[in-house]
């Protein structure tokens, strides 16, 4: 019997050990998608849309030489690689794109000469793979306006010929939803009708082409946040499960994203933006603290994703040699953030376990930037730390050198800020989206009014005038049938301008969206529907409107802290000073137990080192305290017992 028990236990431990080895091997080999936060380089911050094949491969080669050893493995061509770089072409121009006979985008041969002869990105991907890297591209929602205008046929990849159903061939005009154009690129792209077999066939042909080219990473734009298109995301995710090549699926941008909204898509993708575009301004950096806190509190970091895991994405790292947003010019200036601010951004991104996509031109990568984005402690935290969360148990004050005992501090006063109300979008599942009702003005005129809850509503109800769109043509009559029960909203009873939900230009992280008005049209972004539960739904995104409150300069000041645990039980504690003056930030050792489940540190002591100064703090008994400069951060590695 003893022999049997020993044999059984031996078998059990061997089996457990082998299972662990297999799991670790799978994670390392990449069979589990995005087992760690993805890391790489993206062309957008340095080239906008203008990058050429030569410039891209030069950057890729330098990524392979200098960053690959530090886990940076993806090199991604950002948007408009199919647009001809000629006079008159810009980010929302029409008629300058290169498409194939099936209405699919193909690389501009003027900028990507190896694409000639129908090769697409095959040669570029082959060269990237030969460097030991993985190749990624940016794509927009649905189908291009240019393809719809040309009414190209739809490819059926199962037959290699035009898609046929119900005894006829289907074309781009059959599937393009002209009332669902991308709000910030309306001349460029629109949604496709995924309820139609032809619409699904078109999307399937797109992603099969990307796989045939050798693409490893797809960044899908104008389908998330204020531009949410859950139908397209869901179908593309299914296609990527079936396709004959592993492709990571990323969503962008993330304006107005909340955890509730993201939970509907996180299992379908591998990374997804949770803010607007991040550029090199301190306001953009500070805008990420609240949203990162909310996603951590909702257990979204490293949650289940497409064939692996998914990661909330704080956007690229705009360091080094850059261009400007929406520019037709390549890299021509240095990052506007100073070294301390860049260090704070890189530390936050690492503590949050955001994907790390460097955006600067690799050909002018300076040593300070290189050392920051390859810092081994930050990369260890980014990949392998756990229990990552905001740490609220800190105090702060201005340092005052008045006594021989050392630094004393005054408490930071709570400065009241004025409040502004703005119309925002959120998931209709959010409780804050409920609070709309109808108010009759007379027999022919009604208002839709927001009452909300007592904390969020203004002093008087916020009301908009409701009116059904007027039909003036056969096309309008068709739209009327499609939009039964939906209406326009107006600021006044003159009815000349209609409320549109999603912004008509890309927003940066620090910008918040106010509801705005434009000339009334038959477009989904201006169509609304009031549900019985008090939610006001927009037809373009399927998101619901709510009247939100923001404090003037909210998020631009204060002190913040994040905490995480390491693989060997160490504690990582980061302090951030968002203020415009130096602050002493303090945390009690007893409060650190919030990241050590089941442990109490009331009588504990720690030993610790601060990373950026290199100072060894020795034995720390009661509290961790340090003076942090303006827009700077401190990062402690603590071992407590």
Foldseek 3Di string as FASTA:
>chain_A
DVVVVVVVVVVVVVVVVVVVVVVVVCVVVCLQPCQAFAAAAEACFFFNQQAFLVLQVVQLLLCLVFPVVLRHFEYEYEPDQQFDLDPPDFDQGADRGDADLQQAGAGDCVRYVVCPPPLGLQVVQVSSVVSVHAYYYEDEAAGWPNQLVVFHFHAQVVVRDGDDDPHDGHTPVVFFDLLQALLQRSNTGGHGHPVDPSSLSRLLVRVLVCVVSRHAEYEYEQCEALSPDLSRLQSNLVSCVVHPHHHAYEYDDADNAAPVRCVSRFASGAEYENFFAAAQDLLLLLLVPVRLQRCVVVVQAQPHYRSHTHHHAPHELSAAFGDDPRDNGGTDDGRPHDLQLSLVSLQVCLLSLHHYYYHYSSVGDDPSNSCSNSVPVSSQSSTFWDLKHWQPQKFKFAWDPDDPVDTDGDGDDDDAFDKDKAKAWYAPPDPQQAAWDWDDPDPQWIKIWGDGDPVFADPDIDIWIWDADDDDDPVSVVLCVVQPQKTFTHRDPVPQWTWFHDDSHGDRRSDHDGTDIDGDDSHQRGIWHADPRRWIAGRNNRITMHIGMDGVCPSQFDKIKMWTAGPVGKIKIKIWGSHQFKMKMKHWPQSVCVHVPPDGCPQKWKWKAKPPVRDTPGIGTTMDIDIAGHRHMIMMTIDMD
